Amino acid sequence: MEHNRYFTAGEFARIAGTTKYTLFHYDDIGLFCPALRADNGYRYYSIEQLEIFDVICILRELDMPLSQIQDYLAHKSPEAFRKLLADEEALVSQKIARLKRTRDWLRAKAALLQKSLEKESASLEILEFPEQYYVSTYTAVTEDTAVAQKIAALYDHCEKHGFKSPYNVGYIQKYSSLSRGVYQDYHIFYLLFDTPPKKLAYTVKPAGRYLCAYHKGHWNRIDETYQKLLQYVSSNSEALSEDFFEDYLLDELAVSGAENYLTRISVRLESPPL
């Protein structure tokens, strides 16, 4: 054998921009074998094999499984190549769409964070909210494990249909319970969306004027903020809708410790502005 016509595994790996361990693995699975194998077991590769290896690298960059690459190389033809290009273009288009959704989610998350940092926990304010949409779930059992499982299932349900909310999970409490001094009646959880999640069953959160209060700290002391909000409502003779929305603005993703969490409570005002 004329060794000067061939490359060792290490030499070929340097030229191809890979490692000899990758070459050994590809050889072991039958995907890319050396042109020659010496009696001592050393592998030798030819210059012509660089083109084949480049094809494998391109297909790997497209996330094609090694088994599919092996099948394609065994049945190459212009028609098969045309089909491969069309299939891979469709996959790339799907990835681009998914990346765009992720980028939009990141931008929305950053904007929400900035707004949250501008809020004072002691403040009460009336804001105009646009129409929004939420997907909700109900649990009869409010034990921590059951609630966590319900929330996880809600996230999975939405993401399975291609919807990822930039908002944290929210909670709905009812005025009929709050007015009786029940401030932690957590049975309804939701994910909020700015556009209708049309593949899912959703509820419209109406546009309008919302009275907002901000609670800093653990949720087990949120009754103090509800009392302040309801006292304002009583003093100002405001008419309220039944649903109160609790939304975490700052949680463990942004701050350390529940004592630093920031929760917004909002309820739509049904009385017209003065």
C-alpha atoms as a PDB file:
ATOM      1  CA  MET A   1       0.000   0.000   0.000  1.00  0.00           C
ATOM      2  CA  GLU A   2       1.343   3.435  -0.935  1.00  0.00           C
ATOM      3  CA  HIS A   3       0.776   5.352   2.302  1.00  0.00           C
ATOM      4  CA  ASN A   4       1.688   8.679   0.731  1.00  0.00           C
ATOM      5  CA  ARG A   5      -1.550   8.510  -1.302  1.00  0.00           C
ATOM      6  CA  TYR A   6      -3.676   8.287   1.820  1.00  0.00           C
ATOM      7  CA  PHE A   7      -4.236  10.172   5.057  1.00  0.00           C
ATOM      8  CA  THR A   8      -4.138   8.731   8.524  1.00  0.00           C
ATOM      9  CA  ALA A   9      -7.236   9.219  10.647  1.00  0.00           C
ATOM     10  CA  GLY A  10      -5.582  12.119  12.468  1.00  0.00           C
ATOM     11  CA  GLU A  11      -4.498  13.820   9.223  1.00  0.00           C
ATOM     12  CA  PHE A  12      -7.905  13.401   7.609  1.00  0.00           C
ATOM     13  CA  ALA A  13      -9.624  14.698  10.757  1.00  0.00           C
ATOM     14  CA  ARG A  14      -7.507  17.889  10.720  1.00  0.00           C
ATOM     15  CA  ILE A  15      -8.255  18.544   7.051  1.00  0.00           C
ATOM     16  CA  ALA A  16     -11.993  17.822   7.460  1.00  0.00           C
ATOM     17  CA  GLY A  17     -12.341  19.878  10.645  1.00  0.00           C
ATOM     18  CA  THR A  18     -13.424  16.973  12.813  1.00  0.00           C
ATOM     19  CA  THR A  19     -11.862  14.560  15.292  1.00  0.00           C
ATOM     20  CA  LYS A  20     -10.477  11.115  14.718  1.00  0.00           C
ATOM     21  CA  TYR A  21     -12.892   9.847  17.379  1.00  0.00           C
ATOM     22  CA  THR A  22     -15.800  10.988  15.185  1.00  0.00           C
ATOM     23  CA  LEU A  23     -14.244   9.126  12.268  1.00  0.00           C
ATOM     24  CA  PHE A  24     -13.864   6.007  14.427  1.00  0.00           C
ATOM     25  CA  HIS A  25     -17.540   6.252  15.490  1.00  0.00           C
ATOM     26  CA  TYR A  26     -18.743   6.699  11.907  1.00  0.00           C
ATOM     27  CA  ASP A  27     -16.651   3.688  10.912  1.00  0.00           C
ATOM     28  CA  ASP A  28     -18.058   1.574  13.745  1.00  0.00           C
ATOM     29  CA  ILE A  29     -21.657   2.236  12.673  1.00  0.00           C
ATOM     30  CA  GLY A  30     -20.875   1.795   8.968  1.00  0.00           C
ATOM     31  CA  LEU A  31     -21.658   5.401   7.992  1.00  0.00           C
ATOM     32  CA  PHE A  32     -18.202   6.483   6.797  1.00  0.00           C
ATOM     33  CA  CYS A  33     -15.509   3.863   6.504  1.00  0.00           C
ATOM     34  CA  PRO A  34     -11.820   4.321   5.633  1.00  0.00           C
ATOM     35  CA  ALA A  35     -10.693   3.691   2.096  1.00  0.00           C
ATOM     36  CA  LEU A  36      -8.107   1.231   3.377  1.00  0.00           C
ATOM     37  CA  ARG A  37      -7.428  -0.593   6.604  1.00  0.00           C
ATOM     38  CA  ALA A  38      -3.891  -1.817   7.251  1.00  0.00           C
ATOM     39  CA  ASP A  39      -3.025  -5.186   8.742  1.00  0.00           C
ATOM     40  CA  ASN A  40      -2.251  -3.459  12.020  1.00  0.00           C
ATOM     41  CA  GLY A  41      -5.792  -2.004  12.079  1.00  0.00           C
ATOM     42  CA  TYR A  42      -4.811   1.568  11.191  1.00  0.00           C
ATOM     43  CA  ARG A  43      -7.371   3.447   9.132  1.00  0.00           C
ATOM     44  CA  TYR A  44      -6.447   5.356   5.965  1.00  0.00           C
ATOM     45  CA  TYR A  45      -8.630   7.817   4.059  1.00  0.00           C
ATOM     46  CA  SER A  46      -8.420   9.142   0.521  1.00  0.00           C
ATOM     47  CA  ILE A  47      -8.712  12.728  -0.730  1.00  0.00           C
ATOM     48  CA  GLU A  48     -11.855  11.738  -2.644  1.00  0.00           C
ATOM     49  CA  GLN A  49     -13.594  10.916   0.631  1.00  0.00           C
ATOM     50  CA  LEU A  50     -13.537  14.558   1.704  1.00  0.00           C
ATOM     51  CA  GLU A  51     -16.535  15.323  -0.508  1.00  0.00           C
ATOM     52  CA  ILE A  52     -18.543  12.485   1.002  1.00  0.00           C
ATOM     53  CA  PHE A  53     -17.612  13.627   4.497  1.00  0.00           C
ATOM     54  CA  ASP A  54     -18.680  17.187   3.622  1.00  0.00           C
ATOM     55  CA  VAL A  55     -22.101  15.845   2.608  1.00  0.00           C
ATOM     56  CA  ILE A  56     -22.405  14.096   5.988  1.00  0.00           C
ATOM     57  CA  CYS A  57     -21.436  17.311   7.807  1.00  0.00           C
ATOM     58  CA  ILE A  58     -24.006  19.353   5.893  1.00  0.00           C
ATOM     59  CA  LEU A  59     -26.743  16.855   6.684  1.00  0.00           C
ATOM     60  CA  ARG A  60     -25.694  16.775  10.346  1.00  0.00           C
ATOM     61  CA  GLU A  61     -25.942  20.596  10.466  1.00  0.00           C
ATOM     62  CA  LEU A  62     -29.553  20.130   9.378  1.00  0.00           C
ATOM     63  CA  ASP A  63     -30.038  17.814  12.370  1.00  0.00           C
ATOM     64  CA  MET A  64     -30.605  14.751  10.211  1.00  0.00           C
ATOM     65  CA  PRO A  65     -30.159  11.574  12.277  1.00  0.00           C
ATOM     66  CA  LEU A  66     -27.128   9.456  11.393  1.00  0.00           C
ATOM     67  CA  SER A  67     -29.368   6.532  10.437  1.00  0.00           C
ATOM     68  CA  GLN A  68     -31.153   8.658   7.827  1.00  0.00           C
ATOM     69  CA  ILE A  69     -27.856   9.972   6.478  1.00  0.00           C
ATOM     70  CA  GLN A  70     -26.631   6.395   6.129  1.00  0.00           C
ATOM     71  CA  ASP A  71     -29.804   5.412   4.279  1.00  0.00           C
ATOM     72  CA  TYR A  72     -29.531   8.401   1.934  1.00  0.00           C
ATOM     73  CA  LEU A  73     -25.872   7.711   1.092  1.00  0.00           C
ATOM     74  CA  ALA A  74     -26.769   4.112   0.281  1.00  0.00           C
ATOM     75  CA  HIS A  75     -29.524   5.176  -2.150  1.00  0.00           C
ATOM     76  CA  LYS A  76     -28.260   8.415  -3.676  1.00  0.00           C
ATOM     77  CA  SER A  77     -29.886   9.723  -6.842  1.00  0.00           C
ATOM     78  CA  PRO A  78     -30.860  13.139  -8.258  1.00  0.00           C
ATOM     79  CA  GLU A  79     -34.479  12.433  -7.359  1.00  0.00           C
ATOM     80  CA  ALA A  80     -33.594  11.412  -3.817  1.00  0.00           C
ATOM     81  CA  PHE A  81     -31.441  14.520  -3.451  1.00  0.00           C
ATOM     82  CA  ARG A  82     -34.245  16.777  -4.685  1.00  0.00           C
ATOM     83  CA  LYS A  83     -36.640  15.223  -2.177  1.00  0.00           C
ATOM     84  CA  LEU A  84     -34.062  15.567   0.594  1.00  0.00           C
ATOM     85  CA  LEU A  85     -33.620  19.275  -0.195  1.00  0.00           C
ATOM     86  CA  ALA A  86     -37.392  19.858  -0.172  1.00  0.00           C
ATOM     87  CA  ASP A  87     -37.816  17.989   3.112  1.00  0.00           C
ATOM     88  CA  GLU A  88     -34.957  19.834   4.766  1.00  0.00           C
ATOM     89  CA  GLU A  89     -36.234  23.208   3.526  1.00  0.00           C
ATOM     90  CA  ALA A  90     -39.584  22.477   5.175  1.00  0.00           C
ATOM     91  CA  LEU A  91     -37.829  21.582   8.437  1.00  0.00           C
ATOM     92  CA  VAL A  92     -35.718  24.751   8.304  1.00  0.00           C
ATOM     93  CA  SER A  93     -38.865  26.825   7.739  1.00  0.00           C
ATOM     94  CA  GLN A  94     -40.427  25.229  10.815  1.00  0.00           C
ATOM     95  CA  LYS A  95     -37.319  26.004  12.856  1.00  0.00           C
ATOM     96  CA  ILE A  96     -37.328  29.629  11.668  1.00  0.00           C
ATOM     97  CA  ALA A  97     -40.981  29.998  12.669  1.00  0.00           C
ATOM     98  CA  ARG A  98     -40.229  28.449  16.071  1.00  0.00           C
ATOM     99  CA  LEU A  99     -37.233  30.757  16.578  1.00  0.00           C
ATOM    100  CA  LYS A 100     -39.337  33.784  15.646  1.00  0.00           C
ATOM    101  CA  ARG A 101     -41.932  32.765  18.234  1.00  0.00           C
ATOM    102  CA  THR A 102     -39.159  32.397  20.810  1.00  0.00           C
ATOM    103  CA  ARG A 103     -37.765  35.826  19.909  1.00  0.00           C
ATOM    104  CA  ASP A 104     -41.214  37.413  20.236  1.00  0.00           C
ATOM    105  CA  TRP A 105     -41.668  35.676  23.608  1.00  0.00           C
ATOM    106  CA  LEU A 106     -38.310  37.010  24.847  1.00  0.00           C
ATOM    107  CA  ARG A 107     -39.154  40.548  23.765  1.00  0.00           C
ATOM    108  CA  ALA A 108     -42.574  40.425  25.404  1.00  0.00           C
ATOM    109  CA  LYS A 109     -41.067  38.972  28.588  1.00  0.00           C
ATOM    110  CA  ALA A 110     -38.465  41.754  28.706  1.00  0.00           C
ATOM    111  CA  ALA A 111     -41.128  44.441  28.207  1.00  0.00           C
ATOM    112  CA  LEU A 112     -43.257  42.989  31.007  1.00  0.00           C
ATOM    113  CA  LEU A 113     -40.256  42.885  33.317  1.00  0.00           C
ATOM    114  CA  GLN A 114     -39.469  46.532  32.644  1.00  0.00           C
ATOM    115  CA  LYS A 115     -43.044  47.553  33.441  1.00  0.00           C
ATOM    116  CA  SER A 116     -42.973  45.484  36.610  1.00  0.00           C
ATOM    117  CA  LEU A 117     -39.856  47.248  37.874  1.00  0.00           C
ATOM    118  CA  GLU A 118     -41.660  50.579  37.583  1.00  0.00           C
ATOM    119  CA  LYS A 119     -44.456  49.566  39.963  1.00  0.00           C
ATOM    120  CA  GLU A 120     -44.668  50.510  43.626  1.00  0.00           C
ATOM    121  CA  SER A 121     -46.050  47.811  45.897  1.00  0.00           C
ATOM    122  CA  ALA A 122     -48.120  50.277  47.926  1.00  0.00           C
ATOM    123  CA  SER A 123     -49.829  51.852  44.951  1.00  0.00           C
ATOM    124  CA  LEU A 124     -53.401  51.616  43.702  1.00  0.00           C
ATOM    125  CA  GLU A 125     -54.130  52.698  40.163  1.00  0.00           C
ATOM    126  CA  ILE A 126     -56.736  52.443  37.442  1.00  0.00           C
ATOM    127  CA  LEU A 127     -55.405  51.269  34.096  1.00  0.00           C
ATOM    128  CA  GLU A 128     -56.950  50.778  30.681  1.00  0.00           C
ATOM    129  CA  PHE A 129     -56.397  47.186  29.597  1.00  0.00           C
ATOM    130  CA  PRO A 130     -56.917  45.931  26.047  1.00  0.00           C
ATOM    131  CA  GLU A 131     -58.919  42.804  25.338  1.00  0.00           C
ATOM    132  CA  GLN A 132     -56.904  39.731  26.203  1.00  0.00           C
ATOM    133  CA  TYR A 133     -57.497  35.991  26.226  1.00  0.00           C
ATOM    134  CA  TYR A 134     -56.786  33.259  28.722  1.00  0.00           C
ATOM    135  CA  VAL A 135     -56.767  29.485  28.851  1.00  0.00           C
ATOM    136  CA  SER A 136     -57.747  28.241  32.277  1.00  0.00           C
ATOM    137  CA  THR A 137     -57.964  25.097  34.343  1.00  0.00           C
ATOM    138  CA  TYR A 138     -59.797  24.249  37.549  1.00  0.00           C
ATOM    139  CA  THR A 139     -58.771  22.136  40.497  1.00  0.00           C
ATOM    140  CA  ALA A 140     -61.049  21.128  43.337  1.00  0.00           C
ATOM    141  CA  VAL A 141     -58.038  20.178  45.469  1.00  0.00           C
ATOM    142  CA  THR A 142     -55.806  23.091  46.539  1.00  0.00           C
ATOM    143  CA  GLU A 143     -53.036  20.993  48.082  1.00  0.00           C
ATOM    144  CA  ASP A 144     -49.616  22.111  46.734  1.00  0.00           C
ATOM    145  CA  THR A 145     -48.805  18.956  44.765  1.00  0.00           C
ATOM    146  CA  ALA A 146     -52.203  18.863  43.048  1.00  0.00           C
ATOM    147  CA  VAL A 147     -51.952  22.549  42.129  1.00  0.00           C
ATOM    148  CA  ALA A 148     -48.426  22.110  40.740  1.00  0.00           C
ATOM    149  CA  GLN A 149     -49.581  19.179  38.606  1.00  0.00           C
ATOM    150  CA  LYS A 150     -52.527  21.176  37.258  1.00  0.00           C
ATOM    151  CA  ILE A 151     -50.309  24.132  36.383  1.00  0.00           C
ATOM    152  CA  ALA A 152     -47.748  21.879  34.666  1.00  0.00           C
ATOM    153  CA  ALA A 153     -50.539  20.258  32.651  1.00  0.00           C
ATOM    154  CA  LEU A 154     -51.808  23.718  31.628  1.00  0.00           C
ATOM    155  CA  TYR A 155     -48.365  24.743  30.350  1.00  0.00           C
ATOM    156  CA  ASP A 156     -47.992  21.438  28.476  1.00  0.00           C
ATOM    157  CA  HIS A 157     -51.459  21.761  26.942  1.00  0.00           C
ATOM    158  CA  CYS A 158     -50.749  25.237  25.577  1.00  0.00           C
ATOM    159  CA  GLU A 159     -47.226  24.513  24.355  1.00  0.00           C
ATOM    160  CA  LYS A 160     -48.344  21.279  22.683  1.00  0.00           C
ATOM    161  CA  HIS A 161     -50.565  23.431  20.457  1.00  0.00           C
ATOM    162  CA  GLY A 162     -47.817  25.960  19.770  1.00  0.00           C
ATOM    163  CA  PHE A 163     -48.750  28.645  22.320  1.00  0.00           C
ATOM    164  CA  LYS A 164     -46.233  29.979  24.843  1.00  0.00           C
ATOM    165  CA  SER A 165     -47.431  32.833  27.018  1.00  0.00           C
ATOM    166  CA  PRO A 166     -44.976  35.581  28.039  1.00  0.00           C
ATOM    167  CA  TYR A 167     -46.993  35.967  31.243  1.00  0.00           C
ATOM    168  CA  ASN A 168     -46.579  33.914  34.399  1.00  0.00           C
ATOM    169  CA  VAL A 169     -49.423  31.653  35.427  1.00  0.00           C
ATOM    170  CA  GLY A 170     -52.263  33.652  36.969  1.00  0.00           C
ATOM    171  CA  TYR A 171     -55.036  32.957  39.471  1.00  0.00           C
ATOM    172  CA  ILE A 172     -58.668  34.005  39.450  1.00  0.00           C
ATOM    173  CA  GLN A 173     -60.476  34.773  42.673  1.00  0.00           C
ATOM    174  CA  LYS A 174     -64.160  35.592  42.944  1.00  0.00           C
ATOM    175  CA  TYR A 175     -65.647  38.759  44.437  1.00  0.00           C
ATOM    176  CA  SER A 176     -68.321  36.663  46.081  1.00  0.00           C
ATOM    177  CA  SER A 177     -65.579  34.909  48.108  1.00  0.00           C
ATOM    178  CA  LEU A 178     -63.458  37.995  48.729  1.00  0.00           C
ATOM    179  CA  SER A 179     -66.419  39.970  50.053  1.00  0.00           C
ATOM    180  CA  ARG A 180     -66.856  37.246  52.701  1.00  0.00           C
ATOM    181  CA  GLY A 181     -63.218  37.546  53.781  1.00  0.00           C
ATOM    182  CA  VAL A 182     -61.992  34.470  51.863  1.00  0.00           C
ATOM    183  CA  TYR A 183     -58.775  35.725  50.258  1.00  0.00           C
ATOM    184  CA  GLN A 184     -57.016  32.533  49.224  1.00  0.00           C
ATOM    185  CA  ASP A 185     -59.635  30.526  47.381  1.00  0.00           C
ATOM    186  CA  TYR A 186     -57.286  29.230  44.690  1.00  0.00           C
ATOM    187  CA  HIS A 187     -59.118  26.917  42.312  1.00  0.00           C
ATOM    188  CA  ILE A 188     -58.814  28.563  38.886  1.00  0.00           C
ATOM    189  CA  PHE A 189     -55.460  29.038  37.150  1.00  0.00           C
ATOM    190  CA  TYR A 190     -54.846  30.575  33.752  1.00  0.00           C
ATOM    191  CA  LEU A 191     -52.303  31.550  31.115  1.00  0.00           C
ATOM    192  CA  LEU A 192     -52.844  34.912  29.470  1.00  0.00           C
ATOM    193  CA  PHE A 193     -52.379  35.747  25.776  1.00  0.00           C
ATOM    194  CA  ASP A 194     -52.481  39.028  23.854  1.00  0.00           C
ATOM    195  CA  THR A 195     -53.904  37.357  20.736  1.00  0.00           C
ATOM    196  CA  PRO A 196     -56.535  34.606  20.608  1.00  0.00           C
ATOM    197  CA  PRO A 197     -55.005  31.107  20.956  1.00  0.00           C
ATOM    198  CA  LYS A 198     -57.394  29.816  18.331  1.00  0.00           C
ATOM    199  CA  LYS A 199     -56.553  26.120  18.587  1.00  0.00           C
ATOM    200  CA  LEU A 200     -57.478  26.146  22.264  1.00  0.00           C
ATOM    201  CA  ALA A 201     -60.602  26.723  24.281  1.00  0.00           C
ATOM    202  CA  TYR A 202     -60.127  30.195  25.718  1.00  0.00           C
ATOM    203  CA  THR A 203     -62.007  32.923  27.562  1.00  0.00           C
ATOM    204  CA  VAL A 204     -62.024  36.597  26.613  1.00  0.00           C
ATOM    205  CA  LYS A 205     -60.752  38.962  29.280  1.00  0.00           C
ATOM    206  CA  PRO A 206     -62.702  42.121  28.357  1.00  0.00           C
ATOM    207  CA  ALA A 207     -61.033  45.408  27.592  1.00  0.00           C
ATOM    208  CA  GLY A 208     -61.790  48.224  29.979  1.00  0.00           C
ATOM    209  CA  ARG A 209     -60.803  50.080  33.113  1.00  0.00           C
ATOM    210  CA  TYR A 210     -59.162  47.872  35.735  1.00  0.00           C
ATOM    211  CA  LEU A 211     -58.473  48.756  39.325  1.00  0.00           C
ATOM    212  CA  CYS A 212     -54.987  47.448  40.145  1.00  0.00           C
ATOM    213  CA  ALA A 213     -53.250  46.839  43.459  1.00  0.00           C
ATOM    214  CA  TYR A 214     -49.709  45.555  43.918  1.00  0.00           C
ATOM    215  CA  HIS A 215     -48.686  43.114  46.607  1.00  0.00           C
ATOM    216  CA  LYS A 216     -45.034  42.616  47.533  1.00  0.00           C
ATOM    217  CA  GLY A 217     -44.178  39.470  49.410  1.00  0.00           C
ATOM    218  CA  HIS A 218     -45.473  35.947  49.900  1.00  0.00           C
ATOM    219  CA  TRP A 219     -48.977  35.152  48.709  1.00  0.00           C
ATOM    220  CA  ASN A 220     -49.988  33.977  52.190  1.00  0.00           C
ATOM    221  CA  ARG A 221     -50.132  37.647  53.244  1.00  0.00           C
ATOM    222  CA  ILE A 222     -52.046  38.816  50.188  1.00  0.00           C
ATOM    223  CA  ASP A 223     -55.201  39.342  52.256  1.00  0.00           C
ATOM    224  CA  GLU A 224     -53.726  42.664  53.417  1.00  0.00           C
ATOM    225  CA  THR A 225     -53.619  43.963  49.846  1.00  0.00           C
ATOM    226  CA  TYR A 226     -57.119  42.687  49.096  1.00  0.00           C
ATOM    227  CA  GLN A 227     -58.442  44.477  52.150  1.00  0.00           C
ATOM    228  CA  LYS A 228     -56.850  47.724  51.021  1.00  0.00           C
ATOM    229  CA  LEU A 229     -58.293  47.316  47.532  1.00  0.00           C
ATOM    230  CA  LEU A 230     -61.798  46.499  48.763  1.00  0.00           C
ATOM    231  CA  GLN A 231     -61.696  49.423  51.162  1.00  0.00           C
ATOM    232  CA  TYR A 232     -60.952  51.721  48.220  1.00  0.00           C
ATOM    233  CA  VAL A 233     -63.869  50.207  46.296  1.00  0.00           C
ATOM    234  CA  SER A 234     -66.216  50.750  49.232  1.00  0.00           C
ATOM    235  CA  SER A 235     -65.082  54.338  49.744  1.00  0.00           C
ATOM    236  CA  ASN A 236     -65.494  55.201  46.088  1.00  0.00           C
ATOM    237  CA  SER A 237     -68.721  53.233  45.432  1.00  0.00           C
ATOM    238  CA  GLU A 238     -67.174  51.419  42.496  1.00  0.00           C
ATOM    239  CA  ALA A 239     -69.069  48.621  40.755  1.00  0.00           C
ATOM    240  CA  LEU A 240     -66.850  45.596  40.104  1.00  0.00           C
ATOM    241  CA  SER A 241     -66.961  42.529  37.908  1.00  0.00           C
ATOM    242  CA  GLU A 242     -66.886  39.134  39.613  1.00  0.00           C
ATOM    243  CA  ASP A 243     -63.376  38.054  38.577  1.00  0.00           C
ATOM    244  CA  PHE A 244     -60.210  39.269  40.288  1.00  0.00           C
ATOM    245  CA  PHE A 245     -57.005  38.421  38.420  1.00  0.00           C
ATOM    246  CA  GLU A 246     -53.765  37.728  40.278  1.00  0.00           C
ATOM    247  CA  ASP A 247     -50.625  37.928  38.170  1.00  0.00           C
ATOM    248  CA  TYR A 248     -47.059  37.434  39.344  1.00  0.00           C
ATOM    249  CA  LEU A 249     -45.004  40.302  37.917  1.00  0.00           C
ATOM    250  CA  LEU A 250     -41.793  39.352  39.705  1.00  0.00           C
ATOM    251  CA  ASP A 251     -41.167  35.813  40.859  1.00  0.00           C
ATOM    252  CA  GLU A 252     -38.245  33.447  41.410  1.00  0.00           C
ATOM    253  CA  LEU A 253     -37.033  33.944  37.832  1.00  0.00           C
ATOM    254  CA  ALA A 254     -36.276  37.595  38.544  1.00  0.00           C
ATOM    255  CA  VAL A 255     -35.865  37.937  42.324  1.00  0.00           C
ATOM    256  CA  SER A 256     -34.611  35.833  45.206  1.00  0.00           C
ATOM    257  CA  GLY A 257     -37.099  34.760  47.841  1.00  0.00           C
ATOM    258  CA  ALA A 258     -40.865  35.004  48.063  1.00  0.00           C
ATOM    259  CA  GLU A 259     -40.592  38.123  50.228  1.00  0.00           C
ATOM    260  CA  ASN A 260     -39.504  39.990  47.073  1.00  0.00           C
ATOM    261  CA  TYR A 261     -42.243  38.690  44.758  1.00  0.00           C
ATOM    262  CA  LEU A 262     -44.555  41.278  43.226  1.00  0.00           C
ATOM    263  CA  THR A 263     -48.149  40.341  42.444  1.00  0.00           C
ATOM    264  CA  ARG A 264     -50.677  42.507  40.651  1.00  0.00           C
ATOM    265  CA  ILE A 265     -54.346  42.150  41.549  1.00  0.00           C
ATOM    266  CA  SER A 266     -56.679  43.585  38.927  1.00  0.00           C
ATOM    267  CA  VAL A 267     -60.467  43.759  38.618  1.00  0.00           C
ATOM    268  CA  ARG A 268     -62.532  45.372  35.905  1.00  0.00           C
ATOM    269  CA  LEU A 269     -64.595  48.406  36.931  1.00  0.00           C
ATOM    270  CA  GLU A 270     -68.127  48.264  35.609  1.00  0.00           C
ATOM    271  CA  SER A 271     -69.036  51.800  36.601  1.00  0.00           C
ATOM    272  CA  PRO A 272     -68.227  54.455  33.968  1.00  0.00           C
ATOM    273  CA  PRO A 273     -65.446  56.952  34.699  1.00  0.00           C
ATOM    274  CA  LEU A 274     -66.519  60.242  36.290  1.00  0.00           C
END
